[in-house]
Amino acid sequence: MVRFKTKSDAPDLHTQLESMLDQVWKSESDWRLWDRLDAAVMLETLREKRRQNRDTKKAA
């Protein structure tokens, strides 16, 4: 928690709420980015497995 010298130095509740919500939105944005990256890696892994299975069947 941040300490202020006087009560007038402290931001009002509206400003504090805006700041907190801004941090939440930034965090959610980061989470969505990581979710998309995880999904892309998972899809590429599945494609590689399918490619390997297809190559194995062709060789047989």
C-alpha atoms as a PDB file:
ATOM      1  CA  MET A   1       0.000   0.000   0.000  1.00  0.00           C
ATOM      2  CA  VAL A   2       1.253   3.477  -0.848  1.00  0.00           C
ATOM      3  CA  ARG A   3       1.549   5.981   1.990  1.00  0.00           C
ATOM      4  CA  PHE A   4       0.806   9.646   1.409  1.00  0.00           C
ATOM      5  CA  LYS A   5       2.015  12.595   3.467  1.00  0.00           C
ATOM      6  CA  THR A   6      -1.371  14.237   3.634  1.00  0.00           C
ATOM      7  CA  LYS A   7      -4.871  13.174   2.738  1.00  0.00           C
ATOM      8  CA  SER A   8      -4.928  15.629  -0.188  1.00  0.00           C
ATOM      9  CA  ASP A   9      -1.924  13.827  -1.754  1.00  0.00           C
ATOM     10  CA  ALA A  10      -3.923  10.592  -2.050  1.00  0.00           C
ATOM     11  CA  PRO A  11      -5.741  10.018  -5.361  1.00  0.00           C
ATOM     12  CA  ASP A  12      -9.525  10.001  -5.136  1.00  0.00           C
ATOM     13  CA  LEU A  13     -11.457   6.728  -5.251  1.00  0.00           C
ATOM     14  CA  HIS A  14     -12.403   7.184  -8.908  1.00  0.00           C
ATOM     15  CA  THR A  15      -8.738   7.557  -9.901  1.00  0.00           C
ATOM     16  CA  GLN A  16      -7.763   4.545  -7.798  1.00  0.00           C
ATOM     17  CA  LEU A  17     -10.516   2.447  -9.393  1.00  0.00           C
ATOM     18  CA  GLU A  18      -9.472   3.516 -12.901  1.00  0.00           C
ATOM     19  CA  SER A  19      -5.893   2.574 -12.139  1.00  0.00           C
ATOM     20  CA  MET A  20      -6.884  -0.809 -10.748  1.00  0.00           C
ATOM     21  CA  LEU A  21      -9.166  -1.600 -13.708  1.00  0.00           C
ATOM     22  CA  ASP A  22      -6.458  -0.536 -16.135  1.00  0.00           C
ATOM     23  CA  GLN A  23      -4.080  -3.044 -14.537  1.00  0.00           C
ATOM     24  CA  VAL A  24      -6.742  -5.782 -14.696  1.00  0.00           C
ATOM     25  CA  TRP A  25      -7.367  -5.082 -18.408  1.00  0.00           C
ATOM     26  CA  LYS A  26      -3.641  -5.157 -19.170  1.00  0.00           C
ATOM     27  CA  SER A  27      -3.297  -8.471 -17.337  1.00  0.00           C
ATOM     28  CA  GLU A  28      -6.269  -9.963 -19.186  1.00  0.00           C
ATOM     29  CA  SER A  29      -4.769  -8.815 -22.474  1.00  0.00           C
ATOM     30  CA  ASP A  30      -1.492 -10.542 -21.602  1.00  0.00           C
ATOM     31  CA  TRP A  31      -3.351 -13.725 -20.633  1.00  0.00           C
ATOM     32  CA  ARG A  32      -5.231 -13.751 -23.951  1.00  0.00           C
ATOM     33  CA  LEU A  33      -1.947 -13.326 -25.815  1.00  0.00           C
ATOM     34  CA  TRP A  34      -0.393 -16.268 -23.968  1.00  0.00           C
ATOM     35  CA  ASP A  35      -3.547 -18.345 -24.593  1.00  0.00           C
ATOM     36  CA  ARG A  36      -3.225 -17.661 -28.334  1.00  0.00           C
ATOM     37  CA  LEU A  37       0.454 -18.570 -28.282  1.00  0.00           C
ATOM     38  CA  ASP A  38      -0.277 -21.796 -26.389  1.00  0.00           C
ATOM     39  CA  ALA A  39      -3.007 -22.682 -28.891  1.00  0.00           C
ATOM     40  CA  ALA A  40      -0.696 -22.012 -31.850  1.00  0.00           C
ATOM     41  CA  VAL A  41       2.023 -24.223 -30.367  1.00  0.00           C
ATOM     42  CA  MET A  42      -0.494 -26.981 -29.644  1.00  0.00           C
ATOM     43  CA  LEU A  43      -1.826 -26.863 -33.233  1.00  0.00           C
ATOM     44  CA  GLU A  44       1.676 -26.975 -34.675  1.00  0.00           C
ATOM     45  CA  THR A  45       2.517 -29.957 -32.458  1.00  0.00           C
ATOM     46  CA  LEU A  46      -0.600 -31.795 -33.676  1.00  0.00           C
ATOM     47  CA  ARG A  47       0.246 -30.994 -37.306  1.00  0.00           C
ATOM     48  CA  GLU A  48       3.768 -32.347 -36.827  1.00  0.00           C
ATOM     49  CA  LYS A  49       2.427 -35.579 -35.278  1.00  0.00           C
ATOM     50  CA  ARG A  50      -0.008 -36.018 -38.186  1.00  0.00           C
ATOM     51  CA  ARG A  51       2.791 -35.358 -40.673  1.00  0.00           C
ATOM     52  CA  GLN A  52       4.979 -37.974 -38.983  1.00  0.00           C
ATOM     53  CA  ASN A  53       2.117 -40.519 -38.957  1.00  0.00           C
ATOM     54  CA  ARG A  54       1.450 -39.876 -42.639  1.00  0.00           C
ATOM     55  CA  ASP A  55       5.147 -40.292 -43.501  1.00  0.00           C
ATOM     56  CA  THR A  56       5.309 -43.526 -41.460  1.00  0.00           C
ATOM     57  CA  LYS A  57       2.282 -44.964 -43.302  1.00  0.00           C
ATOM     58  CA  LYS A  58       3.744 -44.019 -46.711  1.00  0.00           C
ATOM     59  CA  ALA A  59       7.045 -45.713 -45.836  1.00  0.00           C
ATOM     60  CA  ALA A  60       5.269 -48.948 -44.853  1.00  0.00           C
END
